[in-house]
């Protein structure tokens, strides 16, 4: 790994280091990005990049939940205040009455029922192909690598 570690480390640093000075990110993410740059070796950079991923994912989930909560609070406040909308420098924020939703209260006649289209059962097809059977119109593709991050037991 040492022979070709330098370009790999540089590519990882190029992806992570710009985040170290991104003031919109949480401090933990900025520190992890900086740690990638200061890692003494490739394994240290891998650890720091993993920490960066986890902190960014946690921040994204938190931001999404906060945005939902604030969106609802703003909607409630605007309705209660009787405000139709407000302008910012780049956006118009307002609310509108949604369309009525259908509420199913009992059995619906068959003419209003939708039948799902037939779709291939990929689990069955995969099992058959792994058993060596031929399934017309299907093959096993090459598996793409993915990054797996799991919590370790203390």
Protein backbone atom coordinates (compact mmCIF):
# COMPACT_ATOMS: atom_id res chain seq x y z
CA UNK A 1 0.00 0.00 0.00
CA UNK A 2 2.91 2.36 0.67
CA UNK A 3 3.98 2.45 -2.99
CA UNK A 4 0.86 4.13 -4.18
CA UNK A 5 -0.42 5.66 -0.92
CA UNK A 6 0.63 9.23 -1.76
CA UNK A 7 -1.74 9.79 -4.71
CA UNK A 8 -4.58 8.04 -2.87
CA UNK A 9 -4.01 10.21 0.20
CA UNK A 10 -3.85 13.33 -1.96
CA UNK A 11 -7.14 12.47 -3.69
CA UNK A 12 -8.81 11.93 -0.31
CA UNK A 13 -7.39 15.21 0.98
CA UNK A 14 -8.60 17.04 -2.14
CA UNK A 15 -12.14 15.81 -1.43
CA UNK A 16 -12.14 16.54 2.31
CA UNK A 17 -9.87 19.46 3.12
CA UNK A 18 -12.00 22.23 1.53
CA UNK A 19 -14.66 21.39 4.12
CA UNK A 20 -12.30 22.35 6.95
CA UNK A 21 -12.90 26.04 6.26
CA UNK A 22 -16.62 25.76 5.44
CA UNK A 23 -18.25 27.85 8.16
CA UNK A 24 -21.70 26.41 7.38
CA UNK A 25 -20.64 22.99 8.68
CA UNK A 26 -20.61 21.91 12.32
CA UNK A 27 -17.31 22.28 14.14
CA UNK A 28 -16.87 18.49 14.39
CA UNK A 29 -17.10 18.14 10.61
CA UNK A 30 -14.60 20.97 10.10
CA UNK A 31 -12.18 19.37 12.56
CA UNK A 32 -12.53 15.96 10.90
CA UNK A 33 -11.84 17.52 7.50
CA UNK A 34 -8.73 19.20 8.92
CA UNK A 35 -7.69 15.88 10.46
CA UNK A 36 -7.68 14.31 7.00
CA UNK A 37 -5.16 16.93 5.93
CA UNK A 38 -2.97 16.39 8.99
CA UNK A 39 -3.18 12.60 9.05
CA UNK A 40 0.30 11.07 9.20
CA UNK A 41 -0.65 8.18 6.95
CA UNK A 42 -3.37 6.73 4.78
CA UNK A 43 -5.04 4.80 7.60
CA UNK A 44 -5.22 7.94 9.72
CA UNK A 45 -6.80 9.76 6.79
CA UNK A 46 -9.31 6.91 6.37
CA UNK A 47 -10.30 7.24 10.05
CA UNK A 48 -10.66 11.01 9.81
CA UNK A 49 -12.68 10.76 6.58
CA UNK A 50 -14.98 8.22 8.24
CA UNK A 51 -15.53 10.60 11.14
CA UNK A 52 -16.22 13.38 8.64
CA UNK A 53 -18.86 11.28 6.86
CA UNK A 54 -20.61 10.42 10.12
CA UNK A 55 -20.65 14.03 11.32
CA UNK A 56 -21.97 15.28 7.97
CA UNK A 57 -24.72 12.64 7.93
CA UNK A 58 -25.71 13.49 11.51
CA UNK A 59 -25.76 17.21 10.69
CA UNK A 60 -27.87 16.59 7.58
CA UNK A 61 -30.43 14.54 9.50
CA UNK A 62 -30.56 17.14 12.26
CA UNK A 63 -30.90 19.99 9.77
CA UNK A 64 -33.74 18.20 7.95
CA UNK A 65 -35.66 17.63 11.18
CA UNK A 66 -35.07 21.21 12.30
CA UNK A 67 -36.23 22.55 8.94
CA UNK A 68 -39.45 20.49 9.13
CA UNK A 69 -40.15 21.73 12.66
CA UNK A 70 -39.46 25.38 11.77
CA UNK A 71 -41.45 25.09 8.52
CA UNK A 72 -44.50 23.95 10.50
CA UNK A 73 -43.97 26.65 13.15
CA UNK A 74 -43.71 29.33 10.44
CA UNK A 75 -46.85 28.06 8.69
CA UNK A 76 -48.80 28.04 11.96
CA UNK A 77 -47.55 31.53 12.87
CA UNK A 78 -48.36 33.02 9.45
CA UNK A 79 -51.87 31.55 9.47
CA UNK A 80 -52.53 32.72 13.02
CA UNK A 81 -51.21 36.21 12.23
CA UNK A 82 -53.19 36.37 8.99
CA UNK A 83 -50.02 36.97 6.98
CA UNK A 84 -50.21 35.84 3.37
CA UNK A 85 -46.48 36.02 2.75
CA UNK A 86 -43.17 37.74 3.24
CA UNK A 87 -40.25 38.65 0.97
CA UNK A 88 -36.58 37.98 1.61
CA UNK A 89 -33.72 39.15 -0.59
CA UNK A 90 -33.99 36.09 -2.81
CA UNK A 91 -37.24 34.33 -1.96
CA UNK A 92 -40.94 34.77 -1.42
CA UNK A 93 -42.36 32.82 1.48
CA UNK A 94 -46.08 32.24 1.67
CA UNK A 95 -48.66 29.61 2.32
CA UNK A 96 -51.53 28.16 0.34
CA UNK A 97 -54.48 25.94 1.11
CA UNK A 98 -53.70 22.37 0.10
CA UNK A 99 -55.95 20.23 -2.09
CA UNK A 100 -58.53 18.09 -0.32
CA UNK A 101 -57.23 14.60 0.40
CA UNK A 102 -59.26 11.47 -0.20
CA UNK A 103 -60.04 9.63 3.03
CA UNK A 104 -61.00 5.97 2.62
CA UNK A 105 -63.75 5.24 5.15
CA UNK A 106 -64.85 1.79 3.96
CA UNK A 107 -64.79 -0.66 1.09
CA UNK A 108 -64.27 1.03 -2.29
CA UNK A 109 -65.86 -0.34 -5.52
CA UNK A 110 -63.55 -2.40 -7.73
CA UNK A 111 -63.57 0.16 -10.54
CA UNK A 112 -61.68 2.54 -8.24
CA UNK A 113 -59.04 -0.04 -7.31
CA UNK A 114 -55.62 -0.04 -8.93
CA UNK A 115 -53.83 -3.30 -9.64
CA UNK A 116 -50.08 -2.98 -9.34
CA UNK A 117 -48.21 -3.89 -12.51
CA UNK A 118 -46.30 -7.16 -12.50
CA UNK A 119 -42.69 -6.51 -11.58
CA UNK A 120 -39.81 -9.00 -11.55
CA UNK A 121 -39.10 -10.61 -8.17
CA UNK A 122 -35.39 -9.85 -8.05
CA UNK A 123 -34.80 -11.93 -4.92
CA UNK A 124 -36.25 -15.03 -6.63
CA UNK A 125 -34.33 -14.33 -9.82
CA UNK A 126 -31.08 -13.88 -7.89
CA UNK A 127 -31.61 -17.14 -6.01
CA UNK A 128 -32.29 -19.00 -9.26
CA UNK A 129 -29.23 -17.53 -10.98
CA UNK A 130 -27.03 -18.39 -7.99
CA UNK A 131 -28.29 -21.98 -8.23
CA UNK A 132 -27.02 -22.01 -11.82
CA UNK A 133 -30.43 -21.80 -13.47
CA UNK A 134 -30.96 -19.71 -16.60
CA UNK A 135 -33.52 -16.94 -16.27
CA UNK A 136 -34.43 -15.41 -19.65
CA UNK A 137 -33.99 -11.65 -19.58
CA UNK A 138 -31.86 -11.60 -16.43
CA UNK A 139 -28.22 -11.99 -15.43
CA UNK A 140 -26.18 -11.27 -12.33
CA UNK A 141 -24.31 -7.98 -12.71
CA UNK A 142 -21.02 -6.96 -11.15
CA UNK A 143 -21.46 -5.84 -7.57
CA UNK A 144 -20.46 -2.22 -6.98
CA UNK A 145 -18.31 -1.53 -3.92
CA UNK A 146 -19.86 0.55 -1.17
CA UNK A 147 -18.63 2.12 2.02
CA UNK A 148 -19.84 0.45 5.20
CA UNK A 149 -19.67 2.27 8.54
CA UNK A 150 -20.71 0.42 11.67
CA UNK A 151 -20.52 1.33 15.32
CA UNK A 152 -18.06 -0.74 17.33
CA UNK A 153 -18.99 -2.19 20.67
CA UNK A 154 -17.17 -0.51 23.50
